[in-house]
N, C-alpha and C. Protein backbone atom coordinates (compact mmCIF):
# COMPACT_ATOMS: atom_id res chain seq x y z
N MET A 1 1.15 -1.00 -0.18
CA MET A 1 -0.19 0.06 0.14
C MET A 1 1.06 1.12 0.14
N ARG A 2 1.73 1.24 0.80
CA ARG A 2 2.32 2.69 0.69
C ARG A 2 3.14 2.72 -0.86
N VAL A 3 4.12 1.95 -0.91
CA VAL A 3 4.60 1.85 -2.00
C VAL A 3 4.19 2.95 -3.55
N LYS A 4 2.81 1.90 -3.37
CA LYS A 4 1.88 2.09 -4.52
C LYS A 4 1.36 3.98 -4.00
N LEU A 5 0.73 3.58 -3.37
CA LEU A 5 0.97 6.03 -2.58
C LEU A 5 1.89 6.49 -2.80
N LEU A 6 3.11 5.88 -2.59
CA LEU A 6 4.23 6.69 -3.01
C LEU A 6 4.53 6.82 -4.60
N SER A 7 4.58 5.92 -5.20
CA SER A 7 4.70 5.85 -6.55
C SER A 7 3.40 6.47 -6.85
N PHE A 8 2.15 6.60 -6.74
CA PHE A 8 0.71 8.07 -7.13
C PHE A 8 1.34 9.13 -6.50
N LEU A 9 2.13 9.00 -5.81
CA LEU A 9 2.21 10.72 -5.44
C LEU A 9 3.60 11.71 -6.07
N LYS A 10 4.49 10.05 -6.58
CA LYS A 10 5.50 10.29 -7.55
C LYS A 10 6.79 10.80 -6.20
N ILE A 11 6.77 10.70 -4.92
CA ILE A 11 8.10 10.57 -3.67
C ILE A 11 9.02 9.80 -4.20
N TYR A 12 10.05 10.08 -3.06
CA TYR A 12 10.83 9.25 -2.57
C TYR A 12 10.60 8.90 -1.23
N GLU A 13 11.13 7.33 -1.16
CA GLU A 13 10.91 7.20 0.48
C GLU A 13 11.86 8.17 1.27
N GLU A 14 12.60 8.80 0.80
CA GLU A 14 13.85 10.06 2.13
C GLU A 14 12.81 11.07 2.11
N GLU A 15 11.21 11.38 1.33
CA GLU A 15 10.83 13.05 0.75
C GLU A 15 9.79 12.66 1.26
N ILE A 16 9.16 11.69 2.03
CA ILE A 16 7.80 11.44 2.99
C ILE A 16 8.31 12.39 4.56
N SER A 17 8.66 13.11 5.10
CA SER A 17 8.36 13.70 5.96
C SER A 17 9.15 15.06 5.50
N LEU A 18 9.40 15.51 4.88
CA LEU A 18 9.20 16.98 4.07
C LEU A 18 8.11 17.27 3.54
N PHE A 19 7.39 15.87 3.12
CA PHE A 19 6.19 16.35 2.13
C PHE A 19 4.94 16.55 3.26
N LEU A 20 4.98 15.66 4.39
CA LEU A 20 4.34 15.55 5.68
C LEU A 20 4.12 17.17 6.21
N TRP A 21 5.40 18.04 6.66
CA TRP A 21 5.22 19.28 6.66
C TRP A 21 5.01 19.80 5.81
N THR A 22 5.42 19.65 5.07
CA THR A 22 4.55 20.48 3.57
C THR A 22 2.95 20.96 3.80
N ALA A 23 2.45 19.29 3.91
CA ALA A 23 0.98 18.99 3.61
C ALA A 23 0.22 20.05 5.32
N ALA A 24 1.34 19.63 6.16
CA ALA A 24 0.02 20.11 7.44
C ALA A 24 0.79 21.50 6.97
N LEU A 25 1.81 21.98 6.93
CA LEU A 25 1.78 23.51 6.87
C LEU A 25 0.47 23.95 6.01
N LEU A 26 0.64 23.64 4.81
CA LEU A 26 -0.55 23.87 3.68
C LEU A 26 -1.92 23.78 3.90
N PHE A 27 -2.54 22.72 5.35
CA PHE A 27 -3.54 22.95 5.97
C PHE A 27 -3.44 23.57 6.74
N ILE A 28 -2.73 24.39 7.50
CA ILE A 28 -2.54 25.39 8.76
C ILE A 28 -2.43 26.67 7.93
N ILE A 29 -2.46 26.90 6.87
CA ILE A 29 -2.27 28.25 6.32
C ILE A 29 -3.34 28.14 5.60
N ARG A 30 -4.27 27.29 4.96
CA ARG A 30 -5.91 26.85 4.71
C ARG A 30 -6.08 27.39 6.09
N SER A 31 -6.66 26.19 6.76
CA SER A 31 -7.65 26.18 7.83
C SER A 31 -7.84 27.86 8.25
N SER A 32 -6.15 28.69 8.62
CA SER A 32 -6.30 29.92 9.35
C SER A 32 -6.60 31.05 8.49
N GLY A 33 -6.62 30.83 7.60
CA GLY A 33 -7.32 31.96 6.17
C GLY A 33 -9.24 31.55 5.85
N ILE A 34 -9.56 30.64 6.55
CA ILE A 34 -10.67 30.36 6.51
C ILE A 34 -11.69 30.82 7.75
N ILE A 35 -10.61 30.46 8.66
CA ILE A 35 -11.28 31.37 10.00
C ILE A 35 -10.96 32.48 9.86
N LEU A 36 -9.70 33.41 9.26
CA LEU A 36 -10.05 34.84 9.02
C LEU A 36 -11.19 34.66 8.53
N ASN A 37 -10.99 34.92 7.16
CA ASN A 37 -11.94 35.16 6.44
C ASN A 37 -13.86 35.49 7.27
N ASN A 38 -13.95 34.09 7.53
CA ASN A 38 -15.49 33.83 8.77
C ASN A 38 -15.21 35.17 9.80
N TYR A 39 -14.73 34.78 10.61
CA TYR A 39 -14.34 36.02 11.25
C TYR A 39 -14.30 38.07 10.90
N ALA A 40 -14.06 38.06 10.07
CA ALA A 40 -13.73 39.38 9.22
C ALA A 40 -15.22 39.72 8.92
N GLU A 41 -16.19 38.74 8.25
CA GLU A 41 -17.29 38.83 7.97
C GLU A 41 -18.53 38.97 8.84
N THR A 42 -17.98 37.95 9.69
CA THR A 42 -18.80 38.19 10.73
C THR A 42 -19.05 39.44 11.59
N ALA A 43 -17.80 40.52 11.51
CA ALA A 43 -17.26 41.36 12.54
C ALA A 43 -17.98 42.54 11.72
N PHE A 44 -17.86 42.78 9.86
CA PHE A 44 -18.88 43.63 9.66
C PHE A 44 -20.39 43.33 9.86
N LEU A 45 -20.43 41.97 9.95
CA LEU A 45 -22.30 42.34 9.54
C LEU A 45 -22.37 42.33 11.26
N LYS A 46 -21.29 41.95 12.20
CA LYS A 46 -22.60 42.66 13.29
C LYS A 46 -22.14 44.29 13.50
N ARG A 47 -21.52 44.40 12.61
CA ARG A 47 -20.94 46.37 13.34
C ARG A 47 -21.78 47.23 12.03
N TYR A 48 -21.96 46.82 10.61
CA TYR A 48 -22.96 47.33 9.41
C TYR A 48 -24.17 47.21 9.88
N GLY A 49 -24.18 45.67 9.35
CA GLY A 49 -25.79 44.57 9.30
C GLY A 49 -25.51 44.55 7.85
N VAL A 50 -26.73 44.33 7.40
CA VAL A 50 -27.11 43.11 6.45
C VAL A 50 -26.71 44.20 5.09
N GLU A 51 -27.48 45.62 5.31
CA GLU A 51 -27.77 46.25 4.40
C GLU A 51 -27.03 46.79 4.08
N PHE A 52 -25.57 46.84 4.19
CA PHE A 52 -24.29 47.46 2.95
C PHE A 52 -23.71 46.62 2.54
N MET A 53 -24.35 45.44 2.48
CA MET A 53 -23.80 44.06 1.99
C MET A 53 -23.83 44.16 0.51
N PRO A 54 -24.38 44.58 0.03
CA PRO A 54 -24.54 44.54 -1.23
C PRO A 54 -23.43 46.03 -2.02
N LEU A 55 -23.06 46.97 -1.31
CA LEU A 55 -22.46 47.86 -1.79
C LEU A 55 -20.95 47.46 -1.66
N VAL A 56 -20.73 46.85 -0.20
CA VAL A 56 -19.14 45.79 -0.08
C VAL A 56 -19.56 45.04 -1.23
N ASN A 57 -20.04 43.92 -1.62
CA ASN A 57 -20.12 42.53 -3.04
C ASN A 57 -19.58 44.03 -4.64
N MET A 58 -20.30 44.91 -4.73
CA MET A 58 -19.84 45.73 -5.57
C MET A 58 -18.54 45.85 -5.63
N LEU A 59 -17.82 46.93 -4.63
CA LEU A 59 -16.97 47.52 -4.39
C LEU A 59 -15.94 46.59 -4.44
N ASN A 60 -16.04 45.20 -3.15
CA ASN A 60 -15.35 43.89 -3.68
C ASN A 60 -14.61 43.44 -5.17
N ALA A 61 -15.88 43.53 -5.02
CA ALA A 61 -15.57 43.21 -7.30
C ALA A 61 -15.04 44.25 -8.39
N VAL A 62 -15.38 45.72 -7.86
CA VAL A 62 -14.26 46.71 -8.81
C VAL A 62 -12.98 46.49 -8.44
N ALA A 63 -13.16 46.49 -7.14
CA ALA A 63 -11.09 46.49 -6.55
C ALA A 63 -10.43 45.08 -7.16
N THR A 64 -10.94 44.26 -7.59
CA THR A 64 -10.62 42.69 -8.22
C THR A 64 -10.40 42.95 -9.27
N PHE A 65 -11.68 43.53 -10.23
CA PHE A 65 -11.15 44.40 -11.44
C PHE A 65 -10.17 44.65 -11.91
N LEU A 66 -9.56 45.51 -10.65
CA LEU A 66 -9.22 46.47 -10.95
C LEU A 66 -7.57 46.11 -10.12
N SER A 67 -7.23 45.42 -9.25
CA SER A 67 -6.05 45.26 -8.89
C SER A 67 -4.96 44.74 -9.28
N PRO A 68 -4.85 44.15 -11.11
CA PRO A 68 -4.36 43.69 -11.52
C PRO A 68 -3.18 44.60 -12.31
N ASP A 69 -4.31 45.96 -12.13
CA ASP A 69 -2.81 47.67 -12.64
C ASP A 69 -2.17 48.11 -11.77
N PHE A 70 -2.36 47.40 -10.57
CA PHE A 70 -1.23 47.63 -9.17
C PHE A 70 -0.06 46.70 -8.70
N SER A 71 -0.58 46.22 -9.90
CA SER A 71 0.74 44.33 -9.13
C SER A 71 1.77 44.93 -9.63
N PRO A 72 3.00 45.14 -8.72
CA PRO A 72 4.28 44.99 -9.23
C PRO A 72 5.24 44.55 -10.41
N CYS A 73 4.35 43.24 -10.96
CA CYS A 73 4.94 42.48 -12.23
C CYS A 73 4.81 43.60 -13.43
N SER A 74 3.43 44.26 -13.83
CA SER A 74 3.10 44.93 -15.18
C SER A 74 4.68 46.17 -15.07
């Protein structure tokens, strides 16, 4: 089973610990991002209420559309 899994993931025996540490780090980063996003939305709704959500969604769409113009790569 272990050999099949390693060949499926295309990693060597000595890379298992590095792979597991990287997977754990990615899991922690993604989980903390989800928790932070949930907190930010809850804090916004608690402070401003639901009536400002359409405005915030429109501003978020505009900011997302314009953000490539401000990137340092261009």
